[in-house]
Amino acid sequence: MDQCADKWQDYECLDAGDGEKLERWGKIILRRPDPQALWPIQNHQDLWDHPHAHYHRSKSGGGKWEYKQVVPESWTISYRQLRFQIAPMGFKHTGLFPEQAANWDFMIEQIQQAKDAVRILNLFAYTGGATMACAYGGAQEVVHVDASKGMVSWAKENMRLSHLEQHKIRFIVDDVLKFVAREKRRGRTYHGIVMDPPSYGRGPGGEVWKIEDQLYPLICACLEILDPDPLFFLVNSYTTGFSPTVLYNILNTTILAKHPGGMLEAGEMGLPISATHTTLPCGIYGRWRKAPTRKQGE
């Protein structure tokens, strides 16, 4: 099952092709590289030539933004009642992955349908899109873990912008494997766990992360801190070469084996392309959720 983030008002993928995408972030138009947009541009709109900013890749690696119009250092966009700070960053990023809104909706729904208070753990949490969604959905506590102090600071700003200061959100700068191991020793558990692991990264203490070596052990470790009556388990990935079947098989041999009464699915994340009425693929997901409780008489 594929998921398309088609409920945005403040974000829009206007067009995509020739290895790039054209996006509207609020009122700001950005042109950025996208390795999935391998087809030619169908209709060369004026916006392709005159965005507010265009990120150019360098042949030697990296790249830089070319500003064609005045662009604020940062600005905010909304999704539902959530607000997020957007800023052009190095290596083409903006501080938010809009396709993840489909997963935010999923988590909000699961939390709101839960009968009891729930605790959520967000690993590799970046600027906190999933953290804010879970807090907004009514989680009793959300624990946000990321190795980057700068990203955690950005997430705190998103919390303030979304007026979620009164919600219990714990922000942790740490290596996720070490944090999960400590939570097991403390005897803490979570009803929902979400993670968005990078292909490669380093923890705050220089710890090396390689997804092909450590994803399965991490998921196994997370099962040790998953509540006996879990709500959901969600894994995102942008790693080139990973298919949704990889995540499905990993979750099938871990959480579904332990909680066979749940429901497991995997697929692609995507964004609707306004110009062509097609979908831009944006990574993959795998997720397990608690089976819905049947009402008496069903």
Protein backbone atom coordinates (compact mmCIF):
# COMPACT_ATOMS: atom_id res chain seq x y z
CA MET A 1 0.00 0.00 0.00
CA ASP A 2 1.46 3.37 -1.02
CA GLN A 3 0.87 6.61 0.89
CA CYS A 4 0.47 10.03 -0.74
CA ALA A 5 0.62 13.23 1.32
CA ASP A 6 -2.24 14.98 -0.46
CA LYS A 7 -3.77 17.09 2.31
CA TRP A 8 -1.30 19.98 2.33
CA GLN A 9 -2.42 23.60 1.91
CA ASP A 10 0.89 25.39 2.57
CA TYR A 11 3.04 23.02 0.53
CA GLU A 12 2.72 21.93 -3.11
CA CYS A 13 4.91 19.99 -5.51
CA LEU A 14 4.18 22.11 -8.57
CA ASP A 15 6.12 20.04 -11.08
CA ALA A 16 8.99 17.57 -11.40
CA GLY A 17 11.26 16.29 -14.15
CA ASP A 18 14.79 16.29 -15.53
CA GLY A 19 16.12 15.35 -12.10
CA GLU A 20 14.54 18.29 -10.27
CA LYS A 21 11.35 19.32 -8.50
CA LEU A 22 9.59 22.66 -8.26
CA GLU A 23 7.89 23.31 -4.93
CA ARG A 24 5.79 25.92 -3.18
CA TRP A 25 6.58 26.32 0.51
CA GLY A 26 3.97 28.83 1.65
CA LYS A 27 4.59 31.69 -0.78
CA ILE A 28 8.20 30.75 -1.54
CA ILE A 29 9.00 28.76 -4.70
CA LEU A 30 12.07 26.51 -4.51
CA ARG A 31 13.72 24.46 -7.25
CA ARG A 32 15.72 21.50 -5.95
CA PRO A 33 17.37 18.32 -7.26
CA ASP A 34 15.41 15.08 -7.01
CA PRO A 35 17.04 11.83 -8.16
CA GLN A 36 13.64 10.14 -8.65
CA ALA A 37 12.38 12.65 -11.25
CA LEU A 38 13.92 10.86 -14.25
CA TRP A 39 11.27 11.85 -16.81
CA PRO A 40 11.47 15.06 -18.89
CA ILE A 41 9.63 18.19 -17.80
CA GLN A 42 6.30 18.18 -19.64
CA ASN A 43 5.39 21.87 -19.48
CA HIS A 44 8.22 24.31 -18.91
CA GLN A 45 6.42 26.92 -16.81
CA ASP A 46 7.86 30.34 -16.16
CA LEU A 47 8.30 29.33 -12.51
CA TRP A 48 10.99 26.84 -13.52
CA ASP A 49 13.12 29.79 -14.69
CA HIS A 50 12.12 32.22 -11.94
CA PRO A 51 11.83 30.47 -8.57
CA HIS A 52 12.77 32.34 -5.43
CA ALA A 53 15.78 30.05 -5.05
CA HIS A 54 17.41 27.24 -7.05
CA TYR A 55 19.75 24.66 -5.53
CA HIS A 56 22.58 23.69 -7.89
CA ARG A 57 24.49 20.48 -7.33
CA SER A 58 28.28 20.64 -7.68
CA LYS A 59 30.11 18.04 -9.76
CA SER A 60 32.62 17.74 -6.92
CA GLY A 61 29.85 17.06 -4.37
CA GLY A 62 27.51 19.25 -2.37
CA GLY A 63 26.17 22.38 -3.99
CA LYS A 64 24.74 25.81 -3.22
CA TRP A 65 21.58 27.89 -3.40
CA GLU A 66 21.18 30.53 -6.08
CA TYR A 67 18.78 33.23 -4.90
CA LYS A 68 16.81 34.78 -7.74
CA GLN A 69 14.37 36.67 -5.50
CA VAL A 70 14.42 37.86 -1.91
CA VAL A 71 14.03 34.88 0.42
CA PRO A 72 13.72 35.25 4.20
CA GLU A 73 16.28 33.45 6.34
CA SER A 74 13.40 31.29 7.59
CA TRP A 75 9.62 31.22 7.46
CA THR A 76 6.78 29.02 8.71
CA ILE A 77 4.23 26.76 7.06
CA SER A 78 1.23 24.96 8.57
CA TYR A 79 -0.19 21.46 8.44
CA ARG A 80 -3.43 20.97 10.33
CA GLN A 81 -2.79 22.90 13.57
CA LEU A 82 0.96 22.28 13.39
CA ARG A 83 3.48 24.91 12.34
CA PHE A 84 7.02 24.29 11.12
CA GLN A 85 10.03 26.49 10.52
CA ILE A 86 11.41 26.25 6.98
CA ALA A 87 14.91 27.40 5.96
CA PRO A 88 17.11 26.61 2.93
CA MET A 89 19.98 24.50 4.23
CA GLY A 90 23.12 22.96 2.86
CA PHE A 91 22.71 19.90 0.64
CA LYS A 92 19.30 21.12 -0.64
CA HIS A 93 17.29 20.49 2.55
CA THR A 94 14.62 22.75 4.07
CA GLY A 95 14.13 21.23 7.53
CA LEU A 96 10.99 19.27 6.67
CA PHE A 97 10.01 16.26 4.56
CA PRO A 98 6.43 17.06 3.46
CA GLU A 99 5.67 13.53 2.28
CA GLN A 100 5.80 12.44 5.93
CA ALA A 101 2.47 14.18 6.53
CA ALA A 102 0.79 10.90 5.51
CA ASN A 103 2.57 9.18 8.40
CA TRP A 104 1.70 12.04 10.75
CA ASP A 105 -1.98 11.51 9.95
CA PHE A 106 -1.60 7.78 10.61
CA MET A 107 0.00 8.32 14.02
CA ILE A 108 -2.49 11.00 15.06
CA GLU A 109 -5.35 8.63 14.22
CA GLN A 110 -3.81 5.71 16.12
CA ILE A 111 -3.19 7.83 19.22
CA GLN A 112 -6.65 9.39 19.19
CA GLN A 113 -8.28 5.97 18.90
CA ALA A 114 -6.31 4.57 21.85
CA LYS A 115 -8.36 3.96 24.97
CA ASP A 116 -5.52 4.70 27.37
CA ALA A 117 -2.71 7.25 27.64
CA VAL A 118 0.21 6.41 25.38
CA ARG A 119 3.95 7.09 25.31
CA ILE A 120 5.71 7.56 21.97
CA LEU A 121 9.42 7.30 21.08
CA ASN A 122 10.73 9.11 17.98
CA LEU A 123 14.25 8.03 16.94
CA PHE A 124 16.42 9.92 14.42
CA ALA A 125 13.78 12.55 15.05
CA TYR A 126 15.31 15.42 12.97
CA THR A 127 13.27 18.64 13.36
CA GLY A 128 10.34 16.86 14.96
CA GLY A 129 7.54 16.54 12.43
CA ALA A 130 6.47 13.18 13.90
CA THR A 131 7.11 14.43 17.44
CA MET A 132 4.73 17.36 16.99
CA ALA A 133 2.12 15.18 15.29
CA CYS A 134 2.12 12.69 18.18
CA ALA A 135 1.93 15.43 20.80
CA TYR A 136 -0.88 17.11 18.89
CA GLY A 137 -2.65 13.75 18.61
CA GLY A 138 -2.78 13.55 22.40
CA ALA A 139 0.14 11.33 23.43
CA GLN A 140 0.78 11.46 27.16
CA GLU A 141 4.53 11.74 26.50
CA VAL A 142 6.73 11.97 23.41
CA VAL A 143 10.47 11.31 23.63
CA HIS A 144 12.44 12.91 20.77
CA VAL A 145 15.95 11.51 20.17
CA ASP A 146 18.47 12.82 17.62
CA ALA A 147 22.26 12.94 17.50
CA SER A 148 22.33 16.54 16.23
CA LYS A 149 22.05 19.29 18.82
CA GLY A 150 21.12 21.75 16.07
CA MET A 151 18.22 19.61 14.85
CA VAL A 152 16.93 19.21 18.40
CA SER A 153 17.01 23.00 18.83
CA TRP A 154 15.04 23.33 15.58
CA ALA A 155 12.50 20.80 16.89
CA LYS A 156 12.06 22.85 20.07
CA GLU A 157 11.28 25.87 17.89
CA ASN A 158 8.68 23.82 16.00
CA MET A 159 7.15 22.91 19.36
CA ARG A 160 6.83 26.61 20.24
CA LEU A 161 5.44 27.49 16.81
CA SER A 162 2.84 24.73 17.17
CA HIS A 163 1.91 25.89 20.71
CA LEU A 164 2.69 22.48 22.18
CA GLU A 165 4.77 23.73 25.13
CA GLN A 166 2.24 22.37 27.64
CA HIS A 167 2.60 18.85 26.23
CA LYS A 168 5.18 16.49 27.71
CA ILE A 169 7.96 16.31 25.12
CA ARG A 170 11.44 15.18 26.16
CA PHE A 171 14.25 16.25 23.82
CA ILE A 172 17.34 14.04 23.94
CA VAL A 173 20.66 14.52 22.09
CA ASP A 174 22.09 11.01 21.97
CA ASP A 175 23.09 8.00 19.88
CA VAL A 176 19.86 6.05 19.36
CA LEU A 177 21.33 2.58 20.01
CA LYS A 178 22.82 3.71 23.31
CA PHE A 179 19.61 5.47 24.30
CA VAL A 180 17.45 2.42 23.57
CA ALA A 181 19.81 0.21 25.60
CA ARG A 182 19.58 2.59 28.57
CA GLU A 183 15.78 2.70 28.35
CA LYS A 184 15.74 -1.10 28.56
CA ARG A 185 17.89 -1.00 31.71
CA ARG A 186 15.53 1.61 33.19
CA GLY A 187 12.53 -0.59 32.42
CA ARG A 188 10.80 2.12 30.37
CA THR A 189 8.44 1.13 27.58
CA TYR A 190 6.60 2.88 24.75
CA HIS A 191 3.27 2.20 23.09
CA GLY A 192 4.45 3.60 19.76
CA ILE A 193 7.91 3.80 18.18
CA VAL A 194 8.77 5.68 15.00
CA MET A 195 12.19 5.93 13.38
CA ASP A 196 13.66 7.54 10.27
CA PRO A 197 17.20 6.13 10.14
CA PRO A 198 19.76 7.63 7.75
CA SER A 199 21.76 5.48 5.36
CA TYR A 200 24.92 6.58 7.14
CA GLY A 201 25.56 8.84 10.10
CA ARG A 202 27.51 9.56 13.26
CA GLY A 203 26.31 9.93 16.82
CA PRO A 204 27.30 12.80 19.13
CA GLY A 205 30.23 10.71 20.41
CA GLY A 206 31.42 9.73 16.94
CA GLU A 207 29.42 6.49 16.85
CA VAL A 208 29.09 5.19 13.28
CA TRP A 209 25.68 4.20 11.91
CA LYS A 210 25.30 2.07 8.77
CA ILE A 211 21.70 1.16 8.02
CA GLU A 212 22.47 -2.15 6.31
CA ASP A 213 24.37 -3.35 9.40
CA GLN A 214 22.37 -1.84 12.24
CA LEU A 215 18.72 -1.45 11.25
CA TYR A 216 17.73 -5.02 12.15
CA PRO A 217 19.57 -5.01 15.52
CA LEU A 218 18.02 -1.63 16.36
CA ILE A 219 14.50 -2.86 15.62
CA CYS A 220 15.15 -5.96 17.75
CA ALA A 221 16.39 -3.73 20.57
CA CYS A 222 13.32 -1.52 20.25
CA LEU A 223 11.06 -4.54 20.71
CA GLU A 224 12.56 -4.84 24.19
CA ILE A 225 11.15 -1.41 25.12
CA LEU A 226 7.85 -1.74 23.27
CA ASP A 227 4.87 -1.89 25.62
CA PRO A 228 3.24 -5.35 25.94
CA ASP A 229 0.09 -3.75 24.49
CA PRO A 230 1.65 -1.71 21.65
CA LEU A 231 -0.13 0.76 19.40
CA PHE A 232 2.17 1.09 16.37
CA PHE A 233 5.72 0.63 15.08
CA LEU A 234 6.79 2.72 12.08
CA VAL A 235 10.03 2.76 10.05
CA ASN A 236 10.82 5.28 7.28
CA SER A 237 13.76 5.00 4.89
CA TYR A 238 15.26 7.06 2.09
CA THR A 239 18.12 4.64 1.46
CA THR A 240 18.69 4.09 -2.25
CA GLY A 241 18.18 0.46 -3.23
CA PHE A 242 15.90 -0.44 -0.31
CA SER A 243 12.46 -1.60 -1.45
CA PRO A 244 9.35 -1.61 0.76
CA THR A 245 9.64 -5.40 0.85
CA VAL A 246 12.87 -5.05 2.85
CA LEU A 247 11.05 -3.20 5.63
CA TYR A 248 8.07 -5.54 5.40
CA ASN A 249 10.29 -8.60 5.82
CA ILE A 250 12.21 -7.09 8.74
CA LEU A 251 9.02 -6.12 10.57
CA ASN A 252 7.44 -9.46 9.70
CA THR A 253 10.24 -11.35 11.45
CA THR A 254 10.34 -9.02 14.45
CA ILE A 255 7.22 -7.22 15.63
CA LEU A 256 4.63 -9.25 13.71
CA ALA A 257 6.21 -12.46 14.99
CA LYS A 258 5.87 -11.15 18.55
CA HIS A 259 2.46 -9.52 18.05
CA PRO A 260 0.77 -11.61 15.34
CA GLY A 261 -2.62 -10.02 15.96
CA GLY A 262 -1.50 -6.72 14.48
CA MET A 263 -1.63 -5.44 10.92
CA LEU A 264 1.53 -4.96 8.84
CA GLU A 265 1.96 -2.96 5.64
CA ALA A 266 4.75 -1.40 3.60
CA GLY A 267 4.94 0.82 0.55
CA GLU A 268 6.22 4.01 -1.03
CA MET A 269 5.73 7.54 0.27
CA GLY A 270 4.80 10.10 -2.34
CA LEU A 271 3.76 13.66 -3.16
CA PRO A 272 1.13 14.61 -5.74
CA ILE A 273 2.58 16.59 -8.68
CA SER A 274 0.12 19.33 -9.58
CA ALA A 275 1.26 19.90 -13.18
CA THR A 276 0.96 16.29 -14.31
CA HIS A 277 -1.48 14.77 -11.78
CA THR A 278 1.08 12.05 -11.08
CA THR A 279 3.02 11.13 -7.95
CA LEU A 280 6.64 11.84 -7.02
CA PRO A 281 8.10 8.86 -5.08
CA CYS A 282 9.74 9.95 -1.82
CA GLY A 283 11.18 7.02 0.08
CA ILE A 284 9.54 3.99 1.66
CA TYR A 285 7.82 3.03 4.89
CA GLY A 286 6.91 -0.09 6.83
CA ARG A 287 4.46 -0.02 9.70
CA TRP A 288 2.74 -2.34 12.12
CA ARG A 289 -0.37 -1.27 13.97
CA LYS A 290 -2.60 -2.77 16.56
CA ALA A 291 -5.62 -4.48 15.04
CA PRO A 292 -8.81 -2.46 15.61
CA THR A 293 -11.04 -3.71 18.38
CA ARG A 294 -14.25 -5.22 17.08
CA LYS A 295 -17.46 -3.87 18.50
CA GLN A 296 -19.87 -6.29 20.11
CA GLY A 297 -22.08 -7.90 17.50
CA GLU A 298 -19.61 -7.46 14.60
